[in-house]
């Protein structure tokens, strides 16, 4: 497990940062009436942040 973490710590950090930014977007901006697909739920916005950060991370490789 430590070998995996030592090899992929940058990737893990970027994905965690993306999830944090996704949740922050929900918390600070969000959607008041619940009709927004991504920002109406903290789970959706966090997963979207993780997904976008993973795509960006793998896109530049």
PDB file of N, CA and C in Angstrom:
ATOM      1  N   UNK A   1       0.822  -1.199   0.000  1.00  0.00           N
ATOM      2  CA  UNK A   1       0.000   0.000   0.000  1.00  0.00           C
ATOM      3  C   UNK A   1       0.862   1.257   0.000  1.00  0.00           C
ATOM      4  N   UNK A   2       1.915   1.244   0.783  1.00  0.00           N
ATOM      5  CA  UNK A   2       2.798   2.407   0.839  1.00  0.00           C
ATOM      6  C   UNK A   2       3.517   2.611  -0.485  1.00  0.00           C
ATOM      7  N   UNK A   3       3.795   1.524  -1.185  1.00  0.00           N
ATOM      8  CA  UNK A   3       4.430   1.625  -2.489  1.00  0.00           C
ATOM      9  C   UNK A   3       3.496   2.335  -3.472  1.00  0.00           C
ATOM     10  N   UNK A   4       2.221   1.998  -3.423  1.00  0.00           N
ATOM     11  CA  UNK A   4       1.227   2.638  -4.283  1.00  0.00           C
ATOM     12  C   UNK A   4       1.126   4.131  -3.973  1.00  0.00           C
ATOM     13  N   UNK A   5       1.057   4.454  -2.699  1.00  0.00           N
ATOM     14  CA  UNK A   5       0.943   5.858  -2.294  1.00  0.00           C
ATOM     15  C   UNK A   5       2.196   6.635  -2.672  1.00  0.00           C
ATOM     16  N   UNK A   6       3.357   6.038  -2.487  1.00  0.00           N
ATOM     17  CA  UNK A   6       4.588   6.759  -2.818  1.00  0.00           C
ATOM     18  C   UNK A   6       4.736   6.971  -4.316  1.00  0.00           C
ATOM     19  N   UNK A   7       4.160   6.102  -5.125  1.00  0.00           N
ATOM     20  CA  UNK A   7       4.235   6.269  -6.572  1.00  0.00           C
ATOM     21  C   UNK A   7       3.188   7.235  -7.112  1.00  0.00           C
ATOM     22  N   UNK A   8       2.031   7.297  -6.500  1.00  0.00           N
ATOM     23  CA  UNK A   8       0.911   8.071  -7.030  1.00  0.00           C
ATOM     24  C   UNK A   8       0.451   9.184  -6.102  1.00  0.00           C
ATOM     25  N   UNK A   9       1.312   9.715  -5.262  1.00  0.00           N
ATOM     26  CA  UNK A   9       0.886  10.720  -4.303  1.00  0.00           C
ATOM     27  C   UNK A   9       0.439  12.007  -4.980  1.00  0.00           C
ATOM     28  N   UNK A  10       1.039  12.368  -6.095  1.00  0.00           N
ATOM     29  CA  UNK A  10       0.615  13.584  -6.798  1.00  0.00           C
ATOM     30  C   UNK A  10      -0.785  13.407  -7.384  1.00  0.00           C
ATOM     31  N   UNK A  11      -1.048  12.251  -7.954  1.00  0.00           N
ATOM     32  CA  UNK A  11      -2.373  11.978  -8.518  1.00  0.00           C
ATOM     33  C   UNK A  11      -3.436  11.982  -7.424  1.00  0.00           C
ATOM     34  N   UNK A  12      -3.135  11.362  -6.302  1.00  0.00           N
ATOM     35  CA  UNK A  12      -4.073  11.312  -5.186  1.00  0.00           C
ATOM     36  C   UNK A  12      -4.351  12.719  -4.673  1.00  0.00           C
ATOM     37  N   UNK A  13      -3.309  13.533  -4.567  1.00  0.00           N
ATOM     38  CA  UNK A  13      -3.464  14.898  -4.092  1.00  0.00           C
ATOM     39  C   UNK A  13      -4.330  15.729  -5.042  1.00  0.00           C
ATOM     40  N   UNK A  14      -4.120  15.586  -6.344  1.00  0.00           N
ATOM     41  CA  UNK A  14      -4.904  16.342  -7.326  1.00  0.00           C
ATOM     42  C   UNK A  14      -6.370  15.913  -7.285  1.00  0.00           C
ATOM     43  N   UNK A  15      -6.639  14.631  -7.157  1.00  0.00           N
ATOM     44  CA  UNK A  15      -8.025  14.145  -7.112  1.00  0.00           C
ATOM     45  C   UNK A  15      -8.710  14.613  -5.827  1.00  0.00           C
ATOM     46  N   UNK A  16      -8.012  14.597  -4.707  1.00  0.00           N
ATOM     47  CA  UNK A  16      -8.588  15.102  -3.455  1.00  0.00           C
ATOM     48  C   UNK A  16      -8.850  16.599  -3.535  1.00  0.00           C
ATOM     49  N   UNK A  17      -7.946  17.325  -4.164  1.00  0.00           N
ATOM     50  CA  UNK A  17      -8.150  18.752  -4.359  1.00  0.00           C
ATOM     51  C   UNK A  17      -9.362  19.014  -5.246  1.00  0.00           C
ATOM     52  N   UNK A  18      -9.523  18.222  -6.292  1.00  0.00           N
ATOM     53  CA  UNK A  18     -10.694  18.359  -7.166  1.00  0.00           C
ATOM     54  C   UNK A  18     -11.990  18.099  -6.423  1.00  0.00           C
ATOM     55  N   UNK A  19     -12.000  17.090  -5.573  1.00  0.00           N
ATOM     56  CA  UNK A  19     -13.195  16.818  -4.772  1.00  0.00           C
ATOM     57  C   UNK A  19     -13.500  17.940  -3.804  1.00  0.00           C
ATOM     58  N   UNK A  20     -12.460  18.501  -3.217  1.00  0.00           N
ATOM     59  CA  UNK A  20     -12.637  19.627  -2.298  1.00  0.00           C
ATOM     60  C   UNK A  20     -13.180  20.846  -3.035  1.00  0.00           C
ATOM     61  N   UNK A  21     -12.646  21.113  -4.213  1.00  0.00           N
ATOM     62  CA  UNK A  21     -13.134  22.244  -4.999  1.00  0.00           C
ATOM     63  C   UNK A  21     -14.577  22.022  -5.471  1.00  0.00           C
ATOM     64  N   UNK A  22     -14.915  20.785  -5.810  1.00  0.00           N
ATOM     65  CA  UNK A  22     -16.292  20.480  -6.199  1.00  0.00           C
ATOM     66  C   UNK A  22     -17.262  20.709  -5.061  1.00  0.00           C
ATOM     67  N   UNK A  23     -16.896  20.267  -3.866  1.00  0.00           N
ATOM     68  CA  UNK A  23     -17.759  20.496  -2.708  1.00  0.00           C
ATOM     69  C   UNK A  23     -17.830  21.979  -2.364  1.00  0.00           C
ATOM     70  N   UNK A  24     -16.709  22.670  -2.497  1.00  0.00           N
ATOM     71  CA  UNK A  24     -16.696  24.112  -2.221  1.00  0.00           C
ATOM     72  C   UNK A  24     -17.607  24.855  -3.180  1.00  0.00           C
ATOM     73  N   UNK A  25     -17.639  24.433  -4.429  1.00  0.00           N
ATOM     74  CA  UNK A  25     -18.542  25.044  -5.399  1.00  0.00           C
ATOM     75  C   UNK A  25     -19.993  24.841  -4.983  1.00  0.00           C
ATOM     76  N   UNK A  26     -20.322  23.642  -4.526  1.00  0.00           N
ATOM     77  CA  UNK A  26     -21.676  23.379  -4.034  1.00  0.00           C
ATOM     78  C   UNK A  26     -21.987  24.266  -2.833  1.00  0.00           C
ATOM     79  N   UNK A  27     -21.060  24.360  -1.907  1.00  0.00           N
ATOM     80  CA  UNK A  27     -21.303  25.070  -0.653  1.00  0.00           C
ATOM     81  C   UNK A  27     -21.440  26.575  -0.860  1.00  0.00           C
ATOM     82  N   UNK A  28     -20.563  27.164  -1.642  1.00  0.00           N
ATOM     83  CA  UNK A  28     -20.547  28.613  -1.786  1.00  0.00           C
ATOM     84  C   UNK A  28     -21.427  29.126  -2.920  1.00  0.00           C
ATOM     85  N   UNK A  29     -21.567  28.388  -4.000  1.00  0.00           N
ATOM     86  CA  UNK A  29     -22.342  28.868  -5.146  1.00  0.00           C
ATOM     87  C   UNK A  29     -23.641  28.080  -5.249  1.00  0.00           C
ATOM     88  N   UNK A  30     -23.532  26.784  -5.428  1.00  0.00           N
ATOM     89  CA  UNK A  30     -24.671  25.874  -5.384  1.00  0.00           C
ATOM     90  C   UNK A  30     -25.904  26.277  -6.175  1.00  0.00           C
ATOM     91  N   UNK A  31     -26.965  25.561  -5.930  1.00  0.00           N
ATOM     92  CA  UNK A  31     -28.242  25.790  -6.613  1.00  0.00           C
ATOM     93  C   UNK A  31     -29.335  25.824  -5.542  1.00  0.00           C
ATOM     94  N   UNK A  32     -30.058  26.888  -5.482  1.00  0.00           N
ATOM     95  CA  UNK A  32     -31.044  27.057  -4.412  1.00  0.00           C
ATOM     96  C   UNK A  32     -32.318  26.245  -4.619  1.00  0.00           C
ATOM     97  N   UNK A  33     -32.777  26.119  -5.840  1.00  0.00           N
ATOM     98  CA  UNK A  33     -34.068  25.476  -6.052  1.00  0.00           C
ATOM     99  C   UNK A  33     -33.989  23.976  -6.342  1.00  0.00           C
ATOM    100  N   UNK A  34     -32.802  23.398  -6.449  1.00  0.00           N
ATOM    101  CA  UNK A  34     -32.662  21.959  -6.625  1.00  0.00           C
ATOM    102  C   UNK A  34     -32.814  21.446  -8.031  1.00  0.00           C
ATOM    103  N   UNK A  35     -32.904  22.323  -9.018  1.00  0.00           N
ATOM    104  CA  UNK A  35     -33.069  21.867 -10.393  1.00  0.00           C
ATOM    105  C   UNK A  35     -31.749  21.677 -11.126  1.00  0.00           C
ATOM    106  N   UNK A  36     -30.658  22.114 -10.543  1.00  0.00           N
ATOM    107  CA  UNK A  36     -29.351  21.957 -11.178  1.00  0.00           C
ATOM    108  C   UNK A  36     -28.864  20.524 -10.942  1.00  0.00           C
ATOM    109  N   UNK A  37     -28.451  19.859 -11.992  1.00  0.00           N
ATOM    110  CA  UNK A  37     -28.084  18.448 -11.877  1.00  0.00           C
ATOM    111  C   UNK A  37     -26.809  18.246 -11.061  1.00  0.00           C
ATOM    112  N   UNK A  38     -25.837  19.111 -11.217  1.00  0.00           N
ATOM    113  CA  UNK A  38     -24.552  18.909 -10.546  1.00  0.00           C
ATOM    114  C   UNK A  38     -24.514  19.604  -9.193  1.00  0.00           C
ATOM    115  N   UNK A  39     -24.927  20.846  -9.139  1.00  0.00           N
ATOM    116  CA  UNK A  39     -24.731  21.627  -7.919  1.00  0.00           C
ATOM    117  C   UNK A  39     -25.874  21.538  -6.923  1.00  0.00           C
ATOM    118  N   UNK A  40     -26.881  20.736  -7.168  1.00  0.00           N
ATOM    119  CA  UNK A  40     -27.974  20.622  -6.209  1.00  0.00           C
ATOM    120  C   UNK A  40     -27.662  19.631  -5.095  1.00  0.00           C
ATOM    121  N   UNK A  41     -26.632  18.818  -5.272  1.00  0.00           N
ATOM    122  CA  UNK A  41     -26.274  17.807  -4.276  1.00  0.00           C
ATOM    123  C   UNK A  41     -24.777  17.874  -3.994  1.00  0.00           C
ATOM    124  N   UNK A  42     -24.378  17.791  -2.727  1.00  0.00           N
ATOM    125  CA  UNK A  42     -22.939  17.807  -2.433  1.00  0.00           C
ATOM    126  C   UNK A  42     -22.211  16.584  -2.984  1.00  0.00           C
ATOM    127  N   UNK A  43     -22.895  15.463  -3.057  1.00  0.00           N
ATOM    128  CA  UNK A  43     -22.275  14.252  -3.594  1.00  0.00           C
ATOM    129  C   UNK A  43     -21.995  14.424  -5.089  1.00  0.00           C
ATOM    130  N   UNK A  44     -22.980  14.932  -5.817  1.00  0.00           N
ATOM    131  CA  UNK A  44     -22.804  15.127  -7.257  1.00  0.00           C
ATOM    132  C   UNK A  44     -21.685  16.110  -7.558  1.00  0.00           C
ATOM    133  N   UNK A  45     -21.650  17.219  -6.838  1.00  0.00           N
ATOM    134  CA  UNK A  45     -20.624  18.221  -7.122  1.00  0.00           C
ATOM    135  C   UNK A  45     -19.240  17.728  -6.730  1.00  0.00           C
ATOM    136  N   UNK A  46     -19.140  16.952  -5.657  1.00  0.00           N
ATOM    137  CA  UNK A  46     -17.841  16.397  -5.256  1.00  0.00           C
ATOM    138  C   UNK A  46     -17.359  15.381  -6.282  1.00  0.00           C
ATOM    139  N   UNK A  47     -18.240  14.499  -6.714  1.00  0.00           N
ATOM    140  CA  UNK A  47     -17.862  13.514  -7.729  1.00  0.00           C
ATOM    141  C   UNK A  47     -17.512  14.177  -9.054  1.00  0.00           C
ATOM    142  N   UNK A  48     -18.210  15.238  -9.400  1.00  0.00           N
ATOM    143  CA  UNK A  48     -17.899  15.977 -10.621  1.00  0.00           C
ATOM    144  C   UNK A  48     -16.518  16.625 -10.516  1.00  0.00           C
ATOM    145  N   UNK A  49     -16.196  17.189  -9.363  1.00  0.00           N
ATOM    146  CA  UNK A  49     -14.867  17.762  -9.152  1.00  0.00           C
ATOM    147  C   UNK A  49     -13.772  16.718  -9.247  1.00  0.00           C
ATOM    148  N   UNK A  50     -14.018  15.533  -8.697  1.00  0.00           N
ATOM    149  CA  UNK A  50     -13.056  14.433  -8.787  1.00  0.00           C
ATOM    150  C   UNK A  50     -12.882  14.008 -10.234  1.00  0.00           C
ATOM    151  N   UNK A  51     -13.978  13.871 -10.953  1.00  0.00           N
ATOM    152  CA  UNK A  51     -13.927  13.456 -12.349  1.00  0.00           C
ATOM    153  C   UNK A  51     -13.178  14.458 -13.211  1.00  0.00           C
ATOM    154  N   UNK A  52     -13.486  15.732 -13.058  1.00  0.00           N
ATOM    155  CA  UNK A  52     -12.827  16.762 -13.865  1.00  0.00           C
ATOM    156  C   UNK A  52     -11.339  16.830 -13.547  1.00  0.00           C
ATOM    157  N   UNK A  53     -10.973  16.737 -12.277  1.00  0.00           N
ATOM    158  CA  UNK A  53      -9.550  16.775 -11.926  1.00  0.00           C
ATOM    159  C   UNK A  53      -8.812  15.551 -12.463  1.00  0.00           C
ATOM    160  N   UNK A  54      -9.454  14.386 -12.457  1.00  0.00           N
ATOM    161  CA  UNK A  54      -8.818  13.187 -13.005  1.00  0.00           C
ATOM    162  C   UNK A  54      -8.650  13.291 -14.509  1.00  0.00           C
ATOM    163  N   UNK A  55      -9.633  13.859 -15.192  1.00  0.00           N
ATOM    164  CA  UNK A  55      -9.521  14.041 -16.650  1.00  0.00           C
ATOM    165  C   UNK A  55      -8.401  15.005 -16.969  1.00  0.00           C
ATOM    166  N   UNK A  56      -8.342  16.111 -16.271  1.00  0.00           N
ATOM    167  CA  UNK A  56      -7.279  17.099 -16.503  1.00  0.00           C
ATOM    168  C   UNK A  56      -5.915  16.505 -16.179  1.00  0.00           C
ATOM    169  N   UNK A  57      -5.844  15.726 -15.125  1.00  0.00           N
ATOM    170  CA  UNK A  57      -4.583  15.110 -14.729  1.00  0.00           C
ATOM    171  C   UNK A  57      -4.086  14.148 -15.806  1.00  0.00           C
ATOM    172  N   UNK A  58      -4.961  13.350 -16.363  1.00  0.00           N
ATOM    173  CA  UNK A  58      -4.570  12.383 -17.379  1.00  0.00           C
ATOM    174  C   UNK A  58      -4.456  12.980 -18.771  1.00  0.00           C
ATOM    175  N   UNK A  59      -5.058  14.138 -18.984  1.00  0.00           N
ATOM    176  CA  UNK A  59      -5.013  14.789 -20.287  1.00  0.00           C
ATOM    177  C   UNK A  59      -3.632  15.308 -20.606  1.00  0.00           C
ATOM    178  N   UNK A  60      -2.918  15.785 -19.608  1.00  0.00           N
ATOM    179  CA  UNK A  60      -1.602  16.372 -19.867  1.00  0.00           C
ATOM    180  C   UNK A  60      -0.484  15.335 -19.946  1.00  0.00           C
ATOM    181  N   UNK A  61      -0.775  14.083 -19.737  1.00  0.00           N
ATOM    182  CA  UNK A  61       0.241  13.043 -19.817  1.00  0.00           C
ATOM    183  C   UNK A  61       0.486  12.615 -21.236  1.00  0.00           C
TER     184      UNK A  61
END
